[in-house]
Amino acid sequence: SVWDSVGDSVWASGYGQHDAAWLAFYEFFKDALSLNKETKKLYGLIEQAKNAGWFLPHQNICWISERHHVLSRDERGRIHSLSGPSIGFPDGWKIYAFHGVRVPEFIIERPDEISVEKIDGQSNTEIRRVMLERFGLERFLRESHTEPIHADAFGVLYQRTLNQDEPLTMVKVINSTPEPDGTRREYFLRVPPTVKTAHEAVAWTFG
């Protein structure tokens, strides 16, 4: 079966850098205690772990995967980059990610291609949320021509349905502090989809 075939390939592979944990245990005795003879059979595996990824040896050929040369992560250790691939390999294979969520290349490399239509057409909720963040929630409401569902003296409440996700609900408020030119800025604040009025939405933002 396919399961058995894949399993056989995995078990027949060498794990390269992923064997580093147990190989380091023996390398310690080689380096610290000079137990060279006792650890000599592992020299090849140790060098392999330091320089390559998985490998699959056959009688006359050995397939070896290169290690990545690009790795970018966020403060929580999740693969993430806004300027290029999060993981890259010398042969050109790349992974794009936004705080741990794998995304299509254009979302990172060409965010100007994100549109209301592409956001609405995205079936993966995690990728859609990344697209919304890159596109801008306020811009999405404006360009999707979302109509308000309630308005009062405290603001204007908007809600936009999203496929297989909670509705995008935001309240538009006016800053109480005027700008130097006397104008007052408008702000959009995201609120839970359960709020029914602009007053309730603003109250929620204050806890």
C-alpha atoms as a PDB file:
ATOM      1  CA  SER A   1       0.000   0.000   0.000  1.00  0.00           C
ATOM      2  CA  VAL A   2       0.978   3.640  -0.272  1.00  0.00           C
ATOM      3  CA  TRP A   3       1.147   3.827   3.538  1.00  0.00           C
ATOM      4  CA  ASP A   4       3.622   0.928   3.680  1.00  0.00           C
ATOM      5  CA  SER A   5       5.693   2.338   0.819  1.00  0.00           C
ATOM      6  CA  VAL A   6       6.002   5.758   2.442  1.00  0.00           C
ATOM      7  CA  GLY A   7       6.691   4.149   5.801  1.00  0.00           C
ATOM      8  CA  ASP A   8       9.484   2.032   4.330  1.00  0.00           C
ATOM      9  CA  SER A   9      11.070   5.125   2.745  1.00  0.00           C
ATOM     10  CA  VAL A  10      10.909   7.063   5.999  1.00  0.00           C
ATOM     11  CA  TRP A  11      12.375   4.249   8.060  1.00  0.00           C
ATOM     12  CA  ALA A  12      15.122   3.682   5.461  1.00  0.00           C
ATOM     13  CA  SER A  13      16.117   7.357   5.522  1.00  0.00           C
ATOM     14  CA  GLY A  14      18.800   9.085   7.508  1.00  0.00           C
ATOM     15  CA  TYR A  15      17.458  12.142   9.283  1.00  0.00           C
ATOM     16  CA  GLY A  16      20.430  14.481   8.971  1.00  0.00           C
ATOM     17  CA  GLN A  17      20.002  17.559  11.154  1.00  0.00           C
ATOM     18  CA  HIS A  18      16.994  15.961  12.853  1.00  0.00           C
ATOM     19  CA  ASP A  19      19.318  13.359  14.369  1.00  0.00           C
ATOM     20  CA  ALA A  20      21.406  16.106  16.006  1.00  0.00           C
ATOM     21  CA  ALA A  21      19.946  15.601  19.493  1.00  0.00           C
ATOM     22  CA  TRP A  22      21.102  12.027  20.033  1.00  0.00           C
ATOM     23  CA  LEU A  23      24.286  12.436  17.978  1.00  0.00           C
ATOM     24  CA  ALA A  24      25.336  15.372  20.176  1.00  0.00           C
ATOM     25  CA  PHE A  25      25.217  13.018  23.165  1.00  0.00           C
ATOM     26  CA  TYR A  26      27.951  10.833  21.620  1.00  0.00           C
ATOM     27  CA  GLU A  27      29.910  13.759  20.198  1.00  0.00           C
ATOM     28  CA  PHE A  28      30.268  15.069  23.741  1.00  0.00           C
ATOM     29  CA  PHE A  29      32.093  11.891  24.772  1.00  0.00           C
ATOM     30  CA  LYS A  30      34.251  12.098  21.633  1.00  0.00           C
ATOM     31  CA  ASP A  31      35.270  15.716  22.243  1.00  0.00           C
ATOM     32  CA  ALA A  32      35.284  15.940  26.042  1.00  0.00           C
ATOM     33  CA  LEU A  33      36.601  12.475  26.900  1.00  0.00           C
ATOM     34  CA  SER A  34      38.520  11.646  23.705  1.00  0.00           C
ATOM     35  CA  LEU A  35      36.532   8.451  23.141  1.00  0.00           C
ATOM     36  CA  ASN A  36      37.387   8.531  19.439  1.00  0.00           C
ATOM     37  CA  LYS A  37      37.538   4.803  18.813  1.00  0.00           C
ATOM     38  CA  GLU A  38      34.229   4.185  20.544  1.00  0.00           C
ATOM     39  CA  THR A  39      32.398   6.869  18.526  1.00  0.00           C
ATOM     40  CA  LYS A  40      34.195   6.572  15.182  1.00  0.00           C
ATOM     41  CA  LYS A  41      31.292   4.804  13.455  1.00  0.00           C
ATOM     42  CA  LEU A  42      29.146   7.882  14.046  1.00  0.00           C
ATOM     43  CA  TYR A  43      31.520  10.425  12.463  1.00  0.00           C
ATOM     44  CA  GLY A  44      29.717  10.317   9.121  1.00  0.00           C
ATOM     45  CA  LEU A  45      26.291  10.793  10.677  1.00  0.00           C
ATOM     46  CA  ILE A  46      27.576  13.657  12.810  1.00  0.00           C
ATOM     47  CA  GLU A  47      28.982  15.479   9.786  1.00  0.00           C
ATOM     48  CA  GLN A  48      25.791  14.798   7.870  1.00  0.00           C
ATOM     49  CA  ALA A  49      23.681  16.292  10.678  1.00  0.00           C
ATOM     50  CA  LYS A  50      25.855  19.418  10.694  1.00  0.00           C
ATOM     51  CA  ASN A  51      25.609  19.970   6.953  1.00  0.00           C
ATOM     52  CA  ALA A  52      22.412  18.507   5.474  1.00  0.00           C
ATOM     53  CA  GLY A  53      18.875  17.391   6.036  1.00  0.00           C
ATOM     54  CA  TRP A  54      17.348  13.971   5.398  1.00  0.00           C
ATOM     55  CA  PHE A  55      19.109  11.526   3.108  1.00  0.00           C
ATOM     56  CA  LEU A  56      18.043   8.257   1.477  1.00  0.00           C
ATOM     57  CA  PRO A  57      20.921   5.885   0.722  1.00  0.00           C
ATOM     58  CA  HIS A  58      20.758   3.209  -1.990  1.00  0.00           C
ATOM     59  CA  GLN A  59      23.413   0.817  -3.249  1.00  0.00           C
ATOM     60  CA  ASN A  60      24.916   3.153  -5.842  1.00  0.00           C
ATOM     61  CA  ILE A  61      23.339   6.527  -5.145  1.00  0.00           C
ATOM     62  CA  CYS A  62      22.335   8.622  -2.147  1.00  0.00           C
ATOM     63  CA  TRP A  63      19.659  11.299  -2.219  1.00  0.00           C
ATOM     64  CA  ILE A  64      20.570  14.175   0.121  1.00  0.00           C
ATOM     65  CA  SER A  65      18.414  17.189   0.913  1.00  0.00           C
ATOM     66  CA  GLU A  66      20.131  20.505   1.410  1.00  0.00           C
ATOM     67  CA  ARG A  67      19.552  22.533   4.533  1.00  0.00           C
ATOM     68  CA  HIS A  68      17.621  25.771   4.244  1.00  0.00           C
ATOM     69  CA  HIS A  69      19.603  29.009   3.904  1.00  0.00           C
ATOM     70  CA  VAL A  70      16.704  31.340   4.784  1.00  0.00           C
ATOM     71  CA  LEU A  71      14.803  31.209   8.066  1.00  0.00           C
ATOM     72  CA  SER A  72      12.727  34.047   9.460  1.00  0.00           C
ATOM     73  CA  ARG A  73      10.563  33.799  12.578  1.00  0.00           C
ATOM     74  CA  ASP A  74       8.503  36.089  14.786  1.00  0.00           C
ATOM     75  CA  GLU A  75       9.051  36.731  18.500  1.00  0.00           C
ATOM     76  CA  ARG A  76       7.142  33.545  19.371  1.00  0.00           C
ATOM     77  CA  GLY A  77       9.289  31.367  17.128  1.00  0.00           C
ATOM     78  CA  ARG A  78       6.662  30.953  14.382  1.00  0.00           C
ATOM     79  CA  ILE A  79       7.839  31.169  10.766  1.00  0.00           C
ATOM     80  CA  HIS A  80       7.052  34.678   9.587  1.00  0.00           C
ATOM     81  CA  SER A  81       8.259  37.306   7.148  1.00  0.00           C
ATOM     82  CA  LEU A  82       6.688  40.340   5.481  1.00  0.00           C
ATOM     83  CA  SER A  83       9.604  40.935   3.125  1.00  0.00           C
ATOM     84  CA  GLY A  84      10.112  37.524   1.499  1.00  0.00           C
ATOM     85  CA  PRO A  85      10.003  33.780   2.157  1.00  0.00           C
ATOM     86  CA  SER A  86      10.051  32.573   5.748  1.00  0.00           C
ATOM     87  CA  ILE A  87      11.993  29.472   4.741  1.00  0.00           C
ATOM     88  CA  GLY A  88      14.113  29.160   1.629  1.00  0.00           C
ATOM     89  CA  PHE A  89      16.317  26.439   0.150  1.00  0.00           C
ATOM     90  CA  PRO A  90      19.253  26.842  -2.255  1.00  0.00           C
ATOM     91  CA  ASP A  91      17.333  25.148  -5.093  1.00  0.00           C
ATOM     92  CA  GLY A  92      14.714  27.900  -4.986  1.00  0.00           C
ATOM     93  CA  TRP A  93      11.968  26.101  -3.031  1.00  0.00           C
ATOM     94  CA  LYS A  94      10.309  28.535  -0.613  1.00  0.00           C
ATOM     95  CA  ILE A  95       7.693  28.741   2.089  1.00  0.00           C
ATOM     96  CA  TYR A  96       5.792  31.951   2.781  1.00  0.00           C
ATOM     97  CA  ALA A  97       4.182  32.437   6.167  1.00  0.00           C
ATOM     98  CA  PHE A  98       2.524  35.086   8.304  1.00  0.00           C
ATOM     99  CA  HIS A  99       2.924  34.418  12.045  1.00  0.00           C
ATOM    100  CA  GLY A 100       2.952  30.669  11.451  1.00  0.00           C
ATOM    101  CA  VAL A 101       0.208  30.569   8.801  1.00  0.00           C
ATOM    102  CA  ARG A 102       1.419  29.349   5.405  1.00  0.00           C
ATOM    103  CA  VAL A 103       0.155  31.640   2.681  1.00  0.00           C
ATOM    104  CA  PRO A 104       0.440  31.978  -1.111  1.00  0.00           C
ATOM    105  CA  GLU A 105       3.458  33.899  -2.378  1.00  0.00           C
ATOM    106  CA  PHE A 106       1.536  36.956  -3.612  1.00  0.00           C
ATOM    107  CA  ILE A 107       0.220  37.793  -0.134  1.00  0.00           C
ATOM    108  CA  ILE A 108       3.782  38.519   1.014  1.00  0.00           C
ATOM    109  CA  GLU A 109       5.563  39.486  -2.195  1.00  0.00           C
ATOM    110  CA  ARG A 110       2.737  41.367  -3.949  1.00  0.00           C
ATOM    111  CA  PRO A 111       0.165  42.477  -1.351  1.00  0.00           C
ATOM    112  CA  ASP A 112      -1.201  45.031  -3.822  1.00  0.00           C
ATOM    113  CA  GLU A 113      -2.807  42.062  -5.626  1.00  0.00           C
ATOM    114  CA  ILE A 114      -5.057  41.379  -2.626  1.00  0.00           C
ATOM    115  CA  SER A 115      -8.607  42.476  -3.414  1.00  0.00           C
ATOM    116  CA  VAL A 116     -12.091  42.248  -1.970  1.00  0.00           C
ATOM    117  CA  GLU A 117     -12.890  39.545  -4.540  1.00  0.00           C
ATOM    118  CA  LYS A 118      -9.852  37.449  -3.590  1.00  0.00           C
ATOM    119  CA  ILE A 119     -10.637  37.811   0.117  1.00  0.00           C
ATOM    120  CA  ASP A 120     -14.248  36.744  -0.421  1.00  0.00           C
ATOM    121  CA  GLY A 121     -13.114  33.850  -2.616  1.00  0.00           C
ATOM    122  CA  GLN A 122     -10.601  32.478  -0.112  1.00  0.00           C
ATOM    123  CA  SER A 123     -12.044  29.347   1.542  1.00  0.00           C
ATOM    124  CA  ASN A 124      -9.278  28.937   4.136  1.00  0.00           C
ATOM    125  CA  THR A 125     -10.271  31.087   7.120  1.00  0.00           C
ATOM    126  CA  GLU A 126      -6.700  31.491   8.439  1.00  0.00           C
ATOM    127  CA  ILE A 127      -5.371  32.646   5.074  1.00  0.00           C
ATOM    128  CA  ARG A 128      -8.375  34.969   4.692  1.00  0.00           C
ATOM    129  CA  ARG A 129      -7.620  36.562   8.064  1.00  0.00           C
ATOM    130  CA  VAL A 130      -4.040  37.196   6.946  1.00  0.00           C
ATOM    131  CA  MET A 131      -5.317  38.723   3.709  1.00  0.00           C
ATOM    132  CA  LEU A 132      -7.673  40.965   5.684  1.00  0.00           C
ATOM    133  CA  GLU A 133      -4.851  42.149   7.941  1.00  0.00           C
ATOM    134  CA  ARG A 134      -2.587  42.873   4.981  1.00  0.00           C
ATOM    135  CA  PHE A 135      -5.404  44.584   3.073  1.00  0.00           C
ATOM    136  CA  GLY A 136      -6.727  46.539   6.051  1.00  0.00           C
ATOM    137  CA  LEU A 137     -10.058  45.991   7.790  1.00  0.00           C
ATOM    138  CA  GLU A 138     -11.262  49.564   7.317  1.00  0.00           C
ATOM    139  CA  ARG A 139     -10.308  49.499   3.641  1.00  0.00           C
ATOM    140  CA  PHE A 140     -12.124  46.177   3.222  1.00  0.00           C
ATOM    141  CA  LEU A 141     -15.338  47.625   4.658  1.00  0.00           C
ATOM    142  CA  ARG A 142     -15.107  50.661   2.401  1.00  0.00           C
ATOM    143  CA  GLU A 143     -14.201  48.854  -0.829  1.00  0.00           C
ATOM    144  CA  SER A 144     -16.755  46.090  -0.261  1.00  0.00           C
ATOM    145  CA  HIS A 145     -19.417  48.807   0.146  1.00  0.00           C
ATOM    146  CA  THR A 146     -20.548  47.387   3.474  1.00  0.00           C
ATOM    147  CA  GLU A 147     -23.678  49.161   4.697  1.00  0.00           C
ATOM    148  CA  PRO A 148     -24.071  50.173   8.368  1.00  0.00           C
ATOM    149  CA  ILE A 149     -26.452  48.119  10.506  1.00  0.00           C
ATOM    150  CA  HIS A 150     -26.910  50.761  13.203  1.00  0.00           C
ATOM    151  CA  ALA A 151     -26.003  54.355  14.008  1.00  0.00           C
ATOM    152  CA  ASP A 152     -26.475  56.592  17.034  1.00  0.00           C
ATOM    153  CA  ALA A 153     -24.759  59.472  18.801  1.00  0.00           C
ATOM    154  CA  PHE A 154     -21.818  57.208  19.730  1.00  0.00           C
ATOM    155  CA  GLY A 155     -20.868  55.982  16.253  1.00  0.00           C
ATOM    156  CA  VAL A 156     -21.791  53.868  13.245  1.00  0.00           C
ATOM    157  CA  LEU A 157     -21.833  50.069  13.410  1.00  0.00           C
ATOM    158  CA  TYR A 158     -20.881  47.975  10.361  1.00  0.00           C
ATOM    159  CA  GLN A 159     -21.050  44.225   9.847  1.00  0.00           C
ATOM    160  CA  ARG A 160     -19.790  42.185   6.886  1.00  0.00           C
ATOM    161  CA  THR A 161     -20.544  38.472   6.476  1.00  0.00           C
ATOM    162  CA  LEU A 162     -17.518  36.208   5.883  1.00  0.00           C
ATOM    163  CA  ASN A 163     -17.717  32.671   4.551  1.00  0.00           C
ATOM    164  CA  GLN A 164     -17.323  30.040   7.315  1.00  0.00           C
ATOM    165  CA  ASP A 165     -16.142  32.639   9.820  1.00  0.00           C
ATOM    166  CA  GLU A 166     -17.635  35.109  12.265  1.00  0.00           C
ATOM    167  CA  PRO A 167     -18.851  38.350  10.685  1.00  0.00           C
ATOM    168  CA  LEU A 168     -16.440  41.262  10.528  1.00  0.00           C
ATOM    169  CA  THR A 169     -17.992  43.826  12.885  1.00  0.00           C
ATOM    170  CA  MET A 170     -16.547  47.316  13.363  1.00  0.00           C
ATOM    171  CA  VAL A 171     -17.742  50.575  14.839  1.00  0.00           C
ATOM    172  CA  LYS A 172     -16.742  53.915  13.345  1.00  0.00           C
ATOM    173  CA  VAL A 173     -16.113  56.616  15.945  1.00  0.00           C
ATOM    174  CA  ILE A 174     -14.857  60.180  15.862  1.00  0.00           C
ATOM    175  CA  ASN A 175     -11.830  61.121  17.967  1.00  0.00           C
ATOM    176  CA  SER A 176     -12.845  63.464  20.779  1.00  0.00           C
ATOM    177  CA  THR A 177      -9.493  65.263  20.546  1.00  0.00           C
ATOM    178  CA  PRO A 178      -9.248  67.577  17.512  1.00  0.00           C
ATOM    179  CA  GLU A 179      -6.266  67.584  15.183  1.00  0.00           C
ATOM    180  CA  PRO A 180      -4.024  70.715  15.004  1.00  0.00           C
ATOM    181  CA  ASP A 181      -6.090  71.958  12.051  1.00  0.00           C
ATOM    182  CA  GLY A 182      -9.306  71.587  14.038  1.00  0.00           C
ATOM    183  CA  THR A 183     -10.601  68.491  12.240  1.00  0.00           C
ATOM    184  CA  ARG A 184     -11.463  65.268  14.028  1.00  0.00           C
ATOM    185  CA  ARG A 185     -10.249  61.901  12.800  1.00  0.00           C
ATOM    186  CA  GLU A 186     -12.499  58.908  12.241  1.00  0.00           C
ATOM    187  CA  TYR A 187     -11.480  55.514  13.612  1.00  0.00           C
ATOM    188  CA  PHE A 188     -12.761  52.016  12.993  1.00  0.00           C
ATOM    189  CA  LEU A 189     -12.638  49.664  15.992  1.00  0.00           C
ATOM    190  CA  ARG A 190     -13.259  45.930  15.714  1.00  0.00           C
ATOM    191  CA  VAL A 191     -15.875  44.620  18.122  1.00  0.00           C
ATOM    192  CA  PRO A 192     -17.614  41.265  18.744  1.00  0.00           C
ATOM    193  CA  PRO A 193     -20.292  40.300  16.215  1.00  0.00           C
ATOM    194  CA  THR A 194     -22.804  39.969  19.061  1.00  0.00           C
ATOM    195  CA  VAL A 195     -23.134  43.720  19.646  1.00  0.00           C
ATOM    196  CA  LYS A 196     -26.350  45.206  18.300  1.00  0.00           C
ATOM    197  CA  THR A 197     -25.843  48.963  18.547  1.00  0.00           C
ATOM    198  CA  ALA A 198     -23.034  51.459  18.078  1.00  0.00           C
ATOM    199  CA  HIS A 199     -23.440  52.500  21.724  1.00  0.00           C
ATOM    200  CA  GLU A 200     -22.990  48.889  22.871  1.00  0.00           C
ATOM    201  CA  ALA A 201     -19.955  48.512  20.603  1.00  0.00           C
ATOM    202  CA  VAL A 202     -18.249  51.610  22.004  1.00  0.00           C
ATOM    203  CA  ALA A 203     -19.076  50.507  25.551  1.00  0.00           C
ATOM    204  CA  TRP A 204     -17.456  47.132  24.820  1.00  0.00           C
ATOM    205  CA  THR A 205     -14.173  48.867  23.839  1.00  0.00           C
ATOM    206  CA  PHE A 206     -14.074  50.371  27.322  1.00  0.00           C
ATOM    207  CA  GLY A 207     -14.693  47.021  28.992  1.00  0.00           C
END
